[in-house]
C-alpha atoms as a PDB file:
ATOM      1  CA  UNK A   1      -0.051   0.108  -0.538  1.00  0.00           C
ATOM      2  CA  UNK A   2       1.143   3.737  -0.369  1.00  0.00           C
ATOM      3  CA  UNK A   3       3.000   4.897   2.193  1.00  0.00           C
ATOM      4  CA  UNK A   4       0.550   7.838   2.175  1.00  0.00           C
ATOM      5  CA  UNK A   5      -2.895   5.743   2.330  1.00  0.00           C
ATOM      6  CA  UNK A   6      -2.836   4.621   6.172  1.00  0.00           C
ATOM      7  CA  UNK A   7      -3.046   8.645   6.425  1.00  0.00           C
ATOM      8  CA  UNK A   8      -6.962   9.065   5.814  1.00  0.00           C
ATOM      9  CA  UNK A   9      -8.333   5.405   5.151  1.00  0.00           C
ATOM     10  CA  UNK A  10      -9.159   2.877   7.654  1.00  0.00           C
ATOM     11  CA  UNK A  11      -8.257  -0.913   6.640  1.00  0.00           C
ATOM     12  CA  UNK A  12      -9.549  -2.781   9.102  1.00  0.00           C
ATOM     13  CA  UNK A  13     -12.659  -3.644   9.329  1.00  0.00           C
ATOM     14  CA  UNK A  14     -13.717  -1.335  13.156  1.00  0.00           C
ATOM     15  CA  UNK A  15     -11.536   1.507  12.657  1.00  0.00           C
ATOM     16  CA  UNK A  16     -13.733   4.166  11.644  1.00  0.00           C
ATOM     17  CA  UNK A  17     -11.303   6.329  13.123  1.00  0.00           C
ATOM     18  CA  UNK A  18     -10.166   8.182   9.919  1.00  0.00           C
ATOM     19  CA  UNK A  19     -11.513  10.801   7.850  1.00  0.00           C
ATOM     20  CA  UNK A  20     -11.760   8.989   4.139  1.00  0.00           C
ATOM     21  CA  UNK A  21     -13.710   6.127   3.806  1.00  0.00           C
ATOM     22  CA  UNK A  22     -12.613   2.490   4.865  1.00  0.00           C
ATOM     23  CA  UNK A  23     -10.716   0.417   1.730  1.00  0.00           C
ATOM     24  CA  UNK A  24     -11.813  -2.962   3.877  1.00  0.00           C
ATOM     25  CA  UNK A  25     -14.126  -4.400   0.515  1.00  0.00           C
ATOM     26  CA  UNK A  26     -13.809  -1.644  -1.498  1.00  0.00           C
ATOM     27  CA  UNK A  27     -13.210  -4.003  -4.215  1.00  0.00           C
ATOM     28  CA  UNK A  28     -17.008  -5.070  -5.274  1.00  0.00           C
ATOM     29  CA  UNK A  29     -18.180  -1.766  -3.604  1.00  0.00           C
ATOM     30  CA  UNK A  30     -20.076   0.732  -4.954  1.00  0.00           C
ATOM     31  CA  UNK A  31     -18.564   4.404  -5.185  1.00  0.00           C
ATOM     32  CA  UNK A  32     -19.611   7.333  -3.102  1.00  0.00           C
ATOM     33  CA  UNK A  33     -21.630   4.891  -0.069  1.00  0.00           C
ATOM     34  CA  UNK A  34     -19.126   4.571   2.141  1.00  0.00           C
ATOM     35  CA  UNK A  35     -19.311   6.677   5.184  1.00  0.00           C
ATOM     36  CA  UNK A  36     -16.414   8.916   6.187  1.00  0.00           C
ATOM     37  CA  UNK A  37     -15.758  11.405   8.549  1.00  0.00           C
ATOM     38  CA  UNK A  38     -16.123  14.404   6.121  1.00  0.00           C
ATOM     39  CA  UNK A  39     -19.049  12.934   5.269  1.00  0.00           C
ATOM     40  CA  UNK A  40     -20.864  12.397   1.207  1.00  0.00           C
ATOM     41  CA  UNK A  41     -19.392  12.912  -1.149  1.00  0.00           C
ATOM     42  CA  UNK A  42     -21.655  13.964  -3.828  1.00  0.00           C
ATOM     43  CA  UNK A  43     -19.459  14.106  -6.989  1.00  0.00           C
ATOM     44  CA  UNK A  44     -18.464  10.244  -6.259  1.00  0.00           C
ATOM     45  CA  UNK A  45     -21.803   9.260  -6.020  1.00  0.00           C
ATOM     46  CA  UNK A  46     -22.090  10.537  -9.212  1.00  0.00           C
ATOM     47  CA  UNK A  47     -19.034   8.578  -9.951  1.00  0.00           C
ATOM     48  CA  UNK A  48     -21.129   5.818  -9.922  1.00  0.00           C
ATOM     49  CA  UNK A  49     -18.674   2.838 -10.785  1.00  0.00           C
ATOM     50  CA  UNK A  50     -18.464  -0.430  -8.794  1.00  0.00           C
ATOM     51  CA  UNK A  51     -14.630  -0.560  -8.102  1.00  0.00           C
ATOM     52  CA  UNK A  52     -12.748  -3.375  -9.729  1.00  0.00           C
ATOM     53  CA  UNK A  53      -8.753  -3.745 -10.470  1.00  0.00           C
ATOM     54  CA  UNK A  54      -9.985  -1.274 -14.042  1.00  0.00           C
ATOM     55  CA  UNK A  55     -11.694   0.966 -12.237  1.00  0.00           C
ATOM     56  CA  UNK A  56      -9.063   1.724  -9.844  1.00  0.00           C
ATOM     57  CA  UNK A  57      -6.343   1.588 -11.797  1.00  0.00           C
ATOM     58  CA  UNK A  58      -8.047   4.486 -13.921  1.00  0.00           C
ATOM     59  CA  UNK A  59      -9.012   6.341 -10.094  1.00  0.00           C
ATOM     60  CA  UNK A  60      -5.878   5.987  -8.394  1.00  0.00           C
ATOM     61  CA  UNK A  61      -4.013   6.912 -11.951  1.00  0.00           C
ATOM     62  CA  UNK A  62      -5.545  10.462 -11.208  1.00  0.00           C
ATOM     63  CA  UNK A  63      -8.298  10.965  -9.065  1.00  0.00           C
ATOM     64  CA  UNK A  64      -9.335  14.970  -9.680  1.00  0.00           C
ATOM     65  CA  UNK A  65      -9.856  13.722 -13.419  1.00  0.00           C
ATOM     66  CA  UNK A  66     -11.881  11.173 -12.723  1.00  0.00           C
ATOM     67  CA  UNK A  67     -14.230  12.995  -9.803  1.00  0.00           C
ATOM     68  CA  UNK A  68     -13.566  16.429 -10.027  1.00  0.00           C
ATOM     69  CA  UNK A  69     -13.846  18.801  -6.674  1.00  0.00           C
ATOM     70  CA  UNK A  70     -12.504  14.857  -4.968  1.00  0.00           C
ATOM     71  CA  UNK A  71     -10.914  15.059  -1.744  1.00  0.00           C
ATOM     72  CA  UNK A  72      -8.710  12.194  -2.630  1.00  0.00           C
ATOM     73  CA  UNK A  73      -5.395  14.154  -3.373  1.00  0.00           C
ATOM     74  CA  UNK A  74      -2.817  11.212  -3.583  1.00  0.00           C
ATOM     75  CA  UNK A  75      -1.896  10.673  -7.059  1.00  0.00           C
ATOM     76  CA  UNK A  76      -0.701   7.260  -8.220  1.00  0.00           C
ATOM     77  CA  UNK A  77       1.284   8.117 -11.037  1.00  0.00           C
ATOM     78  CA  UNK A  78       3.460   4.341 -11.333  1.00  0.00           C
ATOM     79  CA  UNK A  79       1.618   1.911 -13.277  1.00  0.00           C
ATOM     80  CA  UNK A  80       3.301  -0.863 -11.212  1.00  0.00           C
ATOM     81  CA  UNK A  81       2.554   0.798  -7.341  1.00  0.00           C
ATOM     82  CA  UNK A  82      -1.585   1.282  -9.144  1.00  0.00           C
ATOM     83  CA  UNK A  83      -1.080  -2.238  -9.102  1.00  0.00           C
ATOM     84  CA  UNK A  84       0.350  -3.471  -5.661  1.00  0.00           C
ATOM     85  CA  UNK A  85      -2.258  -1.392  -3.757  1.00  0.00           C
ATOM     86  CA  UNK A  86      -4.999  -2.525  -6.207  1.00  0.00           C
ATOM     87  CA  UNK A  87      -4.076  -6.539  -4.969  1.00  0.00           C
ATOM     88  CA  UNK A  88      -3.347  -5.191  -1.622  1.00  0.00           C
ATOM     89  CA  UNK A  89      -7.005  -3.703  -1.312  1.00  0.00           C
ATOM     90  CA  UNK A  90      -8.260  -6.366  -3.216  1.00  0.00           C
ATOM     91  CA  UNK A  91      -6.630  -8.864   0.612  1.00  0.00           C
ATOM     92  CA  UNK A  92      -9.055  -6.169   2.044  1.00  0.00           C
ATOM     93  CA  UNK A  93     -12.263  -8.668   2.732  1.00  0.00           C
ATOM     94  CA  UNK A  94     -15.474  -7.648   4.541  1.00  0.00           C
END
């Protein structure tokens, strides 16, 4: 996982202390449907994709290009780093 992700996102089921949505179960989940301390993201809801390897890869390459106004500031330009993060996210199941 990219070193900055856990700053904003939780990666354990019961951790609701982070500003952004918990990443447990993100693969297969619809964008904009998870609670966070920032509140609901209308732009993410409008994006409305189901998070998959493909949609996560596109989003993580440049989040604000996919979802203008997103609070997600991190960009993973390196394709291998994105693949590694996505592979890790796929292990975070409910």
